[in-house]
Amino acid sequence: MTEEAQNPYQSYLVSASAGSGKTYQLSQRFLALVAAGAKPSDILTITFTKKAAGEMRARILTEATKLLNDQEKQR
């Protein structure tokens, strides 16, 4: 993830072709914002398909579960 995307104090737009990692990038951004203190209900992520939205949700939940169970990852 780029430095800009990790900055919780700036809005960030991810625009790229299929298969380039947008869903991963947005999922990681979501988790970084929550880690910085943002409420999940205050974060807006937009995709163009229901499939991509489902993938993003699944990735966020999977990674959040890993973070809850791994103190090393929490750091």
N, C-alpha and C. Protein backbone atom coordinates (compact mmCIF):
# COMPACT_ATOMS: atom_id res chain seq x y z
N MET A 1 0.85 -1.18 0.00
CA MET A 1 0.00 0.00 0.00
C MET A 1 0.89 1.24 0.00
N THR A 2 0.51 2.23 -0.74
CA THR A 2 1.32 3.43 -0.84
C THR A 2 1.17 4.29 0.41
N GLU A 3 2.13 5.17 0.61
CA GLU A 3 2.09 6.09 1.76
C GLU A 3 0.80 6.90 1.78
N GLU A 4 0.38 7.43 0.61
CA GLU A 4 -0.81 8.26 0.54
C GLU A 4 -2.04 7.50 1.00
N ALA A 5 -2.16 6.26 0.61
CA ALA A 5 -3.34 5.47 0.96
C ALA A 5 -3.38 5.15 2.45
N GLN A 6 -2.25 5.15 3.10
CA GLN A 6 -2.22 4.86 4.53
C GLN A 6 -2.51 6.07 5.40
N ASN A 7 -2.46 7.25 4.84
CA ASN A 7 -2.69 8.47 5.61
C ASN A 7 -4.17 8.60 5.95
N PRO A 8 -4.54 8.45 7.23
CA PRO A 8 -5.96 8.50 7.61
C PRO A 8 -6.54 9.91 7.59
N TYR A 9 -5.73 10.91 7.32
CA TYR A 9 -6.20 12.29 7.35
C TYR A 9 -6.46 12.87 5.96
N GLN A 10 -6.36 12.04 4.94
CA GLN A 10 -6.62 12.48 3.57
C GLN A 10 -7.57 11.50 2.89
N SER A 11 -8.44 12.03 2.05
CA SER A 11 -9.27 11.16 1.23
C SER A 11 -8.38 10.54 0.17
N TYR A 12 -8.80 9.39 -0.32
CA TYR A 12 -7.96 8.69 -1.27
C TYR A 12 -8.82 8.01 -2.31
N LEU A 13 -8.47 8.14 -3.57
CA LEU A 13 -9.18 7.53 -4.68
C LEU A 13 -8.31 6.44 -5.28
N VAL A 14 -8.88 5.25 -5.42
CA VAL A 14 -8.19 4.14 -6.07
C VAL A 14 -8.87 3.90 -7.40
N SER A 15 -8.16 4.15 -8.48
CA SER A 15 -8.70 3.95 -9.82
C SER A 15 -7.67 3.17 -10.63
N ALA A 16 -8.05 1.95 -11.04
CA ALA A 16 -7.11 1.11 -11.77
C ALA A 16 -7.88 0.03 -12.51
N SER A 17 -7.20 -0.68 -13.37
CA SER A 17 -7.84 -1.73 -14.17
C SER A 17 -8.14 -2.97 -13.33
N ALA A 18 -8.92 -3.85 -13.91
CA ALA A 18 -9.29 -5.10 -13.24
C ALA A 18 -8.05 -5.90 -12.87
N GLY A 19 -8.08 -6.51 -11.70
CA GLY A 19 -6.98 -7.38 -11.27
C GLY A 19 -5.75 -6.66 -10.78
N SER A 20 -5.86 -5.37 -10.53
CA SER A 20 -4.68 -4.60 -10.13
C SER A 20 -4.53 -4.45 -8.61
N GLY A 21 -5.50 -4.94 -7.85
CA GLY A 21 -5.38 -4.88 -6.40
C GLY A 21 -6.22 -3.80 -5.74
N LYS A 22 -7.22 -3.28 -6.42
CA LYS A 22 -8.07 -2.23 -5.83
C LYS A 22 -8.79 -2.73 -4.59
N THR A 23 -9.38 -3.91 -4.67
CA THR A 23 -10.13 -4.44 -3.53
C THR A 23 -9.21 -4.63 -2.33
N TYR A 24 -8.02 -5.15 -2.57
CA TYR A 24 -7.04 -5.29 -1.49
C TYR A 24 -6.69 -3.93 -0.90
N GLN A 25 -6.41 -2.97 -1.77
CA GLN A 25 -6.02 -1.62 -1.34
C GLN A 25 -7.11 -0.98 -0.49
N LEU A 26 -8.35 -1.06 -0.95
CA LEU A 26 -9.46 -0.46 -0.21
C LEU A 26 -9.71 -1.18 1.11
N SER A 27 -9.54 -2.49 1.13
CA SER A 27 -9.71 -3.26 2.36
C SER A 27 -8.67 -2.85 3.40
N GLN A 28 -7.42 -2.74 2.96
CA GLN A 28 -6.34 -2.34 3.86
C GLN A 28 -6.54 -0.90 4.34
N ARG A 29 -7.01 -0.04 3.46
CA ARG A 29 -7.29 1.35 3.82
C ARG A 29 -8.37 1.41 4.89
N PHE A 30 -9.42 0.63 4.72
CA PHE A 30 -10.51 0.57 5.70
C PHE A 30 -9.96 0.19 7.07
N LEU A 31 -9.16 -0.86 7.11
CA LEU A 31 -8.60 -1.32 8.39
C LEU A 31 -7.65 -0.29 8.98
N ALA A 32 -6.88 0.40 8.15
CA ALA A 32 -5.97 1.44 8.64
C ALA A 32 -6.75 2.59 9.25
N LEU A 33 -7.86 2.96 8.62
CA LEU A 33 -8.69 4.04 9.16
C LEU A 33 -9.30 3.66 10.50
N VAL A 34 -9.78 2.44 10.62
CA VAL A 34 -10.34 1.97 11.89
C VAL A 34 -9.25 1.94 12.96
N ALA A 35 -8.06 1.49 12.59
CA ALA A 35 -6.94 1.45 13.53
C ALA A 35 -6.56 2.86 14.00
N ALA A 36 -6.79 3.86 13.14
CA ALA A 36 -6.46 5.24 13.48
C ALA A 36 -7.58 5.90 14.29
N GLY A 37 -8.67 5.16 14.52
CA GLY A 37 -9.74 5.68 15.38
C GLY A 37 -11.04 6.02 14.68
N ALA A 38 -11.12 5.82 13.38
CA ALA A 38 -12.37 6.10 12.66
C ALA A 38 -13.42 5.05 12.99
N LYS A 39 -14.66 5.48 13.05
CA LYS A 39 -15.76 4.54 13.24
C LYS A 39 -16.06 3.90 11.89
N PRO A 40 -16.23 2.58 11.84
CA PRO A 40 -16.53 1.92 10.57
C PRO A 40 -17.74 2.53 9.85
N SER A 41 -18.72 2.98 10.61
CA SER A 41 -19.92 3.55 10.00
C SER A 41 -19.66 4.91 9.35
N ASP A 42 -18.50 5.51 9.61
CA ASP A 42 -18.14 6.79 9.00
C ASP A 42 -17.26 6.64 7.76
N ILE A 43 -16.96 5.41 7.38
CA ILE A 43 -16.08 5.16 6.24
C ILE A 43 -16.92 4.72 5.05
N LEU A 44 -16.68 5.35 3.91
CA LEU A 44 -17.40 5.00 2.69
C LEU A 44 -16.41 4.41 1.68
N THR A 45 -16.68 3.19 1.26
CA THR A 45 -15.91 2.58 0.18
C THR A 45 -16.92 2.23 -0.91
N ILE A 46 -16.58 2.53 -2.14
CA ILE A 46 -17.51 2.32 -3.25
C ILE A 46 -16.85 1.43 -4.29
N THR A 47 -17.60 0.45 -4.75
CA THR A 47 -17.16 -0.39 -5.86
C THR A 47 -18.26 -0.36 -6.92
N PHE A 48 -17.96 -0.91 -8.07
CA PHE A 48 -18.92 -0.86 -9.17
C PHE A 48 -19.78 -2.11 -9.27
N THR A 49 -19.44 -3.16 -8.55
CA THR A 49 -20.24 -4.38 -8.63
C THR A 49 -20.53 -4.92 -7.24
N LYS A 50 -21.61 -5.66 -7.13
CA LYS A 50 -21.94 -6.31 -5.86
C LYS A 50 -20.88 -7.37 -5.53
N LYS A 51 -20.36 -8.01 -6.56
CA LYS A 51 -19.32 -9.03 -6.35
C LYS A 51 -18.09 -8.41 -5.68
N ALA A 52 -17.64 -7.27 -6.19
CA ALA A 52 -16.47 -6.59 -5.61
C ALA A 52 -16.76 -6.12 -4.19
N ALA A 53 -17.97 -5.64 -3.95
CA ALA A 53 -18.34 -5.21 -2.60
C ALA A 53 -18.31 -6.40 -1.64
N GLY A 54 -18.82 -7.54 -2.09
CA GLY A 54 -18.79 -8.75 -1.27
C GLY A 54 -17.37 -9.21 -0.99
N GLU A 55 -16.51 -9.14 -2.00
CA GLU A 55 -15.10 -9.52 -1.82
C GLU A 55 -14.41 -8.59 -0.82
N MET A 56 -14.70 -7.30 -0.93
CA MET A 56 -14.08 -6.34 -0.02
C MET A 56 -14.54 -6.60 1.42
N ARG A 57 -15.82 -6.82 1.59
CA ARG A 57 -16.35 -7.11 2.93
C ARG A 57 -15.71 -8.37 3.50
N ALA A 58 -15.63 -9.41 2.69
CA ALA A 58 -15.02 -10.67 3.14
C ALA A 58 -13.56 -10.47 3.52
N ARG A 59 -12.82 -9.71 2.73
CA ARG A 59 -11.40 -9.45 3.04
C ARG A 59 -11.25 -8.66 4.33
N ILE A 60 -12.10 -7.66 4.51
CA ILE A 60 -12.03 -6.85 5.74
C ILE A 60 -12.31 -7.73 6.95
N LEU A 61 -13.34 -8.54 6.88
CA LEU A 61 -13.69 -9.41 8.02
C LEU A 61 -12.60 -10.45 8.28
N THR A 62 -12.05 -11.02 7.21
CA THR A 62 -10.98 -12.01 7.37
C THR A 62 -9.75 -11.39 8.01
N GLU A 63 -9.33 -10.24 7.50
CA GLU A 63 -8.14 -9.59 8.04
C GLU A 63 -8.37 -9.08 9.46
N ALA A 64 -9.57 -8.56 9.75
CA ALA A 64 -9.88 -8.10 11.10
C ALA A 64 -9.84 -9.26 12.09
N THR A 65 -10.33 -10.41 11.68
CA THR A 65 -10.28 -11.60 12.53
C THR A 65 -8.83 -12.01 12.80
N LYS A 66 -8.00 -11.98 11.76
CA LYS A 66 -6.58 -12.30 11.94
C LYS A 66 -5.93 -11.32 12.91
N LEU A 67 -6.26 -10.04 12.77
CA LEU A 67 -5.68 -9.02 13.66
C LEU A 67 -6.09 -9.24 15.11
N LEU A 68 -7.33 -9.63 15.32
CA LEU A 68 -7.80 -9.88 16.69
C LEU A 68 -7.06 -11.03 17.36
N ASN A 69 -6.61 -11.99 16.54
CA ASN A 69 -5.99 -13.19 17.06
C ASN A 69 -4.47 -13.20 17.00
N ASP A 70 -3.86 -12.16 16.47
CA ASP A 70 -2.40 -12.14 16.29
C ASP A 70 -1.83 -10.82 16.79
N GLN A 71 -1.25 -10.85 17.98
CA GLN A 71 -0.72 -9.62 18.58
C GLN A 71 0.43 -9.03 17.77
N GLU A 72 1.19 -9.86 17.07
CA GLU A 72 2.28 -9.37 16.23
C GLU A 72 1.73 -8.53 15.07
N LYS A 73 0.64 -9.00 14.45
CA LYS A 73 0.03 -8.24 13.37
C LYS A 73 -0.58 -6.94 13.86
N GLN A 74 -1.04 -6.92 15.10
CA GLN A 74 -1.64 -5.71 15.66
C GLN A 74 -0.63 -4.57 15.73
N ARG A 75 0.63 -4.90 15.91
CA ARG A 75 1.68 -3.87 15.98
C ARG A 75 1.89 -3.28 14.61
